[in-house]
Protein backbone atom coordinates (compact mmCIF):
# COMPACT_ATOMS: atom_id res chain seq x y z
CA UNK A 1 -9.00 22.33 -71.03
CA UNK A 2 -10.32 24.53 -68.23
CA UNK A 3 -11.96 21.48 -66.63
CA UNK A 4 -8.60 19.76 -66.45
CA UNK A 5 -7.04 22.83 -64.86
CA UNK A 6 -9.85 23.02 -62.28
CA UNK A 7 -9.45 19.35 -61.46
CA UNK A 8 -5.71 19.80 -61.10
CA UNK A 9 -6.19 22.76 -58.72
CA UNK A 10 -8.69 20.81 -56.64
CA UNK A 11 -6.28 17.89 -56.48
CA UNK A 12 -3.41 20.15 -55.42
CA UNK A 13 -5.65 21.75 -52.77
CA UNK A 14 -6.58 18.34 -51.38
CA UNK A 15 -2.92 17.33 -51.32
CA UNK A 16 -2.01 20.48 -49.36
CA UNK A 17 -4.81 19.88 -46.84
CA UNK A 18 -3.77 16.24 -46.47
CA UNK A 19 -0.15 17.28 -45.92
CA UNK A 20 -1.19 19.82 -43.28
CA UNK A 21 -3.28 17.19 -41.48
CA UNK A 22 -0.39 14.72 -41.55
CA UNK A 23 1.95 17.34 -40.11
CA UNK A 24 -0.56 18.21 -37.38
CA UNK A 25 -1.04 14.56 -36.43
CA UNK A 26 2.72 14.01 -36.47
CA UNK A 27 3.25 17.04 -34.22
CA UNK A 28 0.57 15.81 -31.80
CA UNK A 29 2.14 12.34 -31.80
CA UNK A 30 5.63 13.72 -31.09
CA UNK A 31 4.32 16.06 -28.38
CA UNK A 32 2.35 13.24 -26.73
CA UNK A 33 5.41 11.00 -26.86
CA UNK A 34 7.55 13.65 -25.21
CA UNK A 35 4.90 14.23 -22.52
CA UNK A 36 4.55 10.50 -21.86
CA UNK A 37 8.32 10.10 -21.70
CA UNK A 38 8.57 12.94 -19.22
CA UNK A 39 5.83 11.45 -17.04
CA UNK A 40 7.47 8.01 -17.03
CA UNK A 41 10.84 9.59 -16.25
CA UNK A 42 9.30 11.49 -13.32
CA UNK A 43 7.78 8.28 -11.91
CA UNK A 44 11.08 6.42 -12.27
CA UNK A 45 13.10 9.24 -10.74
CA UNK A 46 10.71 9.59 -7.80
CA UNK A 47 10.96 5.83 -7.18
CA UNK A 48 14.76 6.11 -7.22
CA UNK A 49 14.69 8.98 -4.71
CA UNK A 50 12.37 7.05 -2.39
CA UNK A 51 14.64 3.98 -2.51
CA UNK A 52 17.66 6.10 -1.64
CA UNK A 53 15.83 7.74 1.26
CA UNK A 54 14.72 4.38 2.66
CA UNK A 55 18.29 3.12 2.48
CA UNK A 56 19.37 6.13 4.53
CA UNK A 57 16.65 5.63 7.15
CA UNK A 58 16.41 1.85 7.54
CA UNK A 59 19.95 0.62 8.13
CA UNK A 60 21.20 -2.85 7.22
CA UNK A 61 22.86 -5.48 9.39
CA UNK A 62 26.37 -4.17 8.75
CA UNK A 63 25.39 -0.77 10.16
CA UNK A 64 23.92 -2.24 13.34
CA UNK A 65 26.25 -5.15 14.11
CA UNK A 66 27.27 -3.61 17.42
CA UNK A 67 23.74 -2.64 18.45
CA UNK A 68 22.46 -4.71 21.41
CA UNK A 69 19.41 -6.80 20.64
CA UNK A 70 19.73 -6.45 16.87
CA UNK A 71 19.37 -9.63 14.81
CA UNK A 72 19.80 -10.33 11.13
CA UNK A 73 16.01 -10.47 10.73
CA UNK A 74 15.31 -7.21 12.56
CA UNK A 75 18.06 -5.40 10.68
CA UNK A 76 16.82 -6.07 7.15
CA UNK A 77 16.15 -3.02 5.03
CA UNK A 78 12.41 -2.40 4.93
CA UNK A 79 10.69 -2.12 1.56
CA UNK A 80 7.10 -1.86 0.36
CA UNK A 81 7.20 -5.63 -0.22
CA UNK A 82 8.57 -6.27 3.27
CA UNK A 83 6.29 -4.18 5.46
CA UNK A 84 6.08 -4.66 9.23
CA UNK A 85 3.82 -7.14 10.96
CA UNK A 86 2.03 -5.85 14.03
CA UNK A 87 2.32 -7.18 17.53
CA UNK A 88 0.51 -6.15 20.68
CA UNK A 89 2.24 -3.61 22.86
CA UNK A 90 1.42 -2.45 26.37
CA UNK A 91 -2.21 -1.53 26.90
CA UNK A 92 -3.26 -3.07 23.58
CA UNK A 93 -1.33 -0.48 21.56
CA UNK A 94 0.07 -2.14 18.45
CA UNK A 95 3.78 -1.60 18.01
CA UNK A 96 5.21 -2.22 14.53
CA UNK A 97 8.06 -4.67 14.12
CA UNK A 98 10.65 -2.43 12.56
CA UNK A 99 14.23 -2.98 11.50
CA UNK A 100 16.76 -0.61 12.96
CA UNK A 101 16.23 2.97 11.80
CA UNK A 102 18.16 6.19 12.28
CA UNK A 103 17.22 9.80 11.51
CA UNK A 104 20.85 11.00 11.53
CA UNK A 105 21.53 10.78 7.77
CA UNK A 106 18.13 12.22 6.87
CA UNK A 107 18.56 15.19 9.18
CA UNK A 108 22.06 15.81 7.84
CA UNK A 109 20.65 15.74 4.33
CA UNK A 110 17.67 17.93 5.16
CA UNK A 111 16.98 19.49 8.58
CA UNK A 112 13.33 19.99 7.60
CA UNK A 113 12.72 16.25 8.16
CA UNK A 114 10.13 15.97 10.91
CA UNK A 115 9.21 12.29 10.99
CA UNK A 116 8.46 9.13 9.03
CA UNK A 117 4.96 8.02 7.96
CA UNK A 118 4.28 4.27 7.73
CA UNK A 119 0.93 2.97 6.41
CA UNK A 120 1.50 -0.65 5.28
CA UNK A 121 -1.85 -1.23 3.53
CA UNK A 122 -1.37 1.92 1.41
CA UNK A 123 2.35 1.25 0.82
CA UNK A 124 3.14 4.62 2.38
CA UNK A 125 6.68 4.42 3.73
CA UNK A 126 8.09 7.94 3.45
CA UNK A 127 9.73 10.81 5.33
CA UNK A 128 7.68 13.85 6.30
CA UNK A 129 9.14 17.34 6.21
CA UNK A 130 7.91 20.70 7.52
CA UNK A 131 8.84 24.16 6.28
CA UNK A 132 7.79 27.79 6.67
CA UNK A 133 4.84 27.44 4.25
CA UNK A 134 2.90 24.71 2.47
CA UNK A 135 4.27 25.43 -1.01
CA UNK A 136 7.96 24.62 -0.47
CA UNK A 137 7.75 20.81 -0.80
CA UNK A 138 4.69 20.62 -3.04
CA UNK A 139 6.97 19.84 -6.00
CA UNK A 140 10.38 19.52 -4.36
CA UNK A 141 12.04 16.32 -3.16
CA UNK A 142 14.02 15.81 0.01
CA UNK A 143 17.25 16.71 -1.81
CA UNK A 144 15.86 20.14 -2.65
CA UNK A 145 15.45 19.30 -6.35
CA UNK A 146 12.34 19.91 -8.43
CA UNK A 147 10.18 16.76 -8.38
CA UNK A 148 6.52 16.66 -9.43
CA UNK A 149 5.70 14.10 -6.70
CA UNK A 150 7.21 16.43 -4.11
CA UNK A 151 7.68 15.29 -0.50
CA UNK A 152 5.06 14.52 2.11
CA UNK A 153 4.89 17.53 4.39
CA UNK A 154 3.27 18.66 7.61
CA UNK A 155 1.23 21.85 7.60
CA UNK A 156 3.48 24.71 8.69
CA UNK A 157 0.90 25.69 11.34
CA UNK A 158 0.93 22.24 12.95
CA UNK A 159 3.08 21.61 16.03
CA UNK A 160 3.45 17.95 16.91
CA UNK A 161 2.55 17.31 20.53
CA UNK A 162 0.87 20.70 20.90
CA UNK A 163 -1.66 21.10 18.09
CA UNK A 164 -4.97 19.35 18.56
CA UNK A 165 -4.97 18.49 14.87
CA UNK A 166 -1.76 18.02 12.87
CA UNK A 167 -2.14 17.79 9.09
CA UNK A 168 0.12 15.94 6.62
CA UNK A 169 -0.23 16.43 2.85
CA UNK A 170 0.93 14.16 0.03
CA UNK A 171 0.29 13.77 -3.69
CA UNK A 172 -1.80 10.92 -5.07
CA UNK A 173 0.30 9.83 -8.03
CA UNK A 174 -1.25 7.98 -10.97
CA UNK A 175 1.22 5.11 -10.56
CA UNK A 176 0.01 4.63 -6.96
CA UNK A 177 3.10 6.11 -5.33
CA UNK A 178 3.15 8.60 -2.46
CA UNK A 179 -0.45 8.60 -1.09
CA UNK A 180 -1.87 7.12 -4.29
CA UNK A 181 -3.04 3.94 -2.54
CA UNK A 182 -4.57 5.61 0.51
CA UNK A 183 -7.93 5.02 -1.20
CA UNK A 184 -7.63 1.35 -0.22
CA UNK A 185 -8.81 2.35 3.26
CA UNK A 186 -12.14 3.49 1.84
CA UNK A 187 -12.94 -0.23 1.61
CA UNK A 188 -14.54 -1.63 4.77
CA UNK A 189 -12.62 -4.88 4.41
CA UNK A 190 -9.27 -3.09 4.29
CA UNK A 191 -10.33 -0.75 7.09
CA UNK A 192 -11.25 -3.71 9.32
CA UNK A 193 -7.89 -5.39 8.69
CA UNK A 194 -5.79 -2.23 8.93
CA UNK A 195 -7.26 0.10 11.57
CA UNK A 196 -3.94 1.69 12.52
CA UNK A 197 -0.73 3.10 11.05
CA UNK A 198 2.39 4.70 12.56
CA UNK A 199 4.22 7.98 12.71
CA UNK A 200 7.87 7.68 13.70
CA UNK A 201 9.87 10.54 15.19
CA UNK A 202 13.48 10.64 16.42
CA UNK A 203 12.39 10.30 20.04
CA UNK A 204 9.20 8.20 19.84
CA UNK A 205 6.82 6.05 17.78
CA UNK A 206 3.13 6.91 17.62
CA UNK A 207 0.25 4.63 16.77
CA UNK A 208 -2.43 6.39 14.72
CA UNK A 209 -5.87 4.86 15.23
CA UNK A 210 -8.09 5.64 12.24
CA UNK A 211 -11.60 6.87 12.99
CA UNK A 212 -12.66 8.30 9.61
CA UNK A 213 -11.77 8.49 5.92
CA UNK A 214 -13.86 9.83 3.08
CA UNK A 215 -13.82 11.64 -0.26
CA UNK A 216 -14.46 15.37 -0.34
CA UNK A 217 -13.43 18.57 -2.15
CA UNK A 218 -11.38 21.64 -1.30
CA UNK A 219 -14.64 23.56 -0.92
CA UNK A 220 -15.62 21.58 2.17
CA UNK A 221 -14.39 22.39 5.69
CA UNK A 222 -12.44 19.17 6.11
CA UNK A 223 -9.17 20.65 7.44
CA UNK A 224 -9.50 22.52 10.72
CA UNK A 225 -6.47 23.29 12.84
CA UNK A 226 -7.94 25.61 15.46
CA UNK A 227 -10.85 25.01 17.81
CA UNK A 228 -12.65 27.43 20.09
CA UNK A 229 -13.29 24.94 22.88
CA UNK A 230 -13.26 21.27 23.88
CA UNK A 231 -16.85 21.01 22.70
CA UNK A 232 -15.94 22.52 19.33
CA UNK A 233 -13.11 19.99 18.92
CA UNK A 234 -15.28 17.00 19.86
CA UNK A 235 -18.11 18.16 17.59
CA UNK A 236 -15.61 18.35 14.73
CA UNK A 237 -14.37 14.82 15.47
CA UNK A 238 -17.91 13.44 15.45
CA UNK A 239 -18.75 15.29 12.23
CA UNK A 240 -15.71 13.79 10.50
CA UNK A 241 -16.60 10.35 11.89
CA UNK A 242 -20.16 10.63 10.55
CA UNK A 243 -18.83 11.31 7.02
CA UNK A 244 -16.54 8.27 6.92
CA UNK A 245 -17.03 5.78 4.09
CA UNK A 246 -15.71 2.98 6.32
CA UNK A 247 -16.71 2.41 9.93
CA UNK A 248 -14.09 2.48 12.71
CA UNK A 249 -16.17 1.80 15.84
CA UNK A 250 -13.44 1.11 18.39
CA UNK A 251 -11.77 4.53 18.54
CA UNK A 252 -12.86 6.67 21.47
CA UNK A 253 -11.70 10.29 21.48
CA UNK A 254 -11.77 12.70 24.41
CA UNK A 255 -10.99 16.40 24.75
CA UNK A 256 -7.47 15.49 25.92
CA UNK A 257 -6.64 13.56 22.75
CA UNK A 258 -4.88 14.84 19.63
CA UNK A 259 -5.56 13.78 16.07
CA UNK A 260 -3.65 13.48 12.79
CA UNK A 261 -5.24 14.31 9.43
CA UNK A 262 -3.87 13.07 6.09
CA UNK A 263 -4.92 14.93 2.95
CA UNK A 264 -4.36 13.82 -0.64
CA UNK A 265 -5.96 14.27 -4.05
CA UNK A 266 -8.94 12.18 -5.10
CA UNK A 267 -9.48 12.31 -8.83
CA UNK A 268 -12.77 10.38 -8.77
CA UNK A 269 -14.51 13.41 -7.25
CA UNK A 270 -12.87 16.11 -9.34
CA UNK A 271 -9.46 16.23 -11.02
CA UNK A 272 -8.63 19.68 -9.68
CA UNK A 273 -10.56 19.94 -6.41
CA UNK A 274 -11.22 16.34 -5.27
CA UNK A 275 -9.60 15.22 -2.02
CA UNK A 276 -9.45 12.23 0.30
CA UNK A 277 -9.15 12.92 3.99
CA UNK A 278 -8.15 10.42 6.66
CA UNK A 279 -8.34 11.11 10.41
CA UNK A 280 -6.66 9.22 13.26
CA UNK A 281 -6.23 9.47 17.00
CA UNK A 282 -2.56 9.77 18.05
CA UNK A 283 -1.33 7.39 20.76
CA UNK A 284 2.29 7.26 21.87
CA UNK A 285 3.72 3.74 21.82
CA UNK A 286 5.31 2.97 25.22
């Protein structure tokens, strides 16, 4: 009789443990589903915001019908699938073939808009903002709403046209958005075929001639904004060039030049501290 009671107790105990395990697994499954749903929603919402912003910036034919020199082809809305083809400008500087664009709506929406970054090979085609510190747009979109992908932003200490080194930051999203495909330029083949990108401002377009890109961590001195002398600046340029994972041999930099640095996460080095840096010489397109 007692043996039957003991067996019954053991069976009940096993049933309770099994039930607890099922509840735990169910809770984990539900939690994971909610997390995955939130991540997918964030990706979709960020994509929607970026489409809306592009529609504001790159105007269509109906908006530019009265503009001299505008054609149906040049007035098409630009997308990541319809990126510009280069042509040769004055002095060998490559000027992108862009549809008509206008900063007016973007600046009305958000006066922190500073420019527009265009890197065709990395599918970077986004506005750049600048605020009073580097935390404001880390997880805030151009509308001022919370957005994990944030907005590409220029370091608050950088002054375009004055600073020897201006720095732009952007997230590297798992779906490849924002600066998630900047890693393509670590490949020598891609670097050879895409040695330049562009930074567009309300009053000018700048060609950015890449001279280095490599993977690093936040513990390395890869972001310098101030230099003690011309020699210090040029030594820094050569140090960054020597670390590059792809070779860019045709970019000569003097003490009079200014450079642009792009900084994004690189999860292959370390999920929390890994970074990819890209450096380019800034040349105004005439």
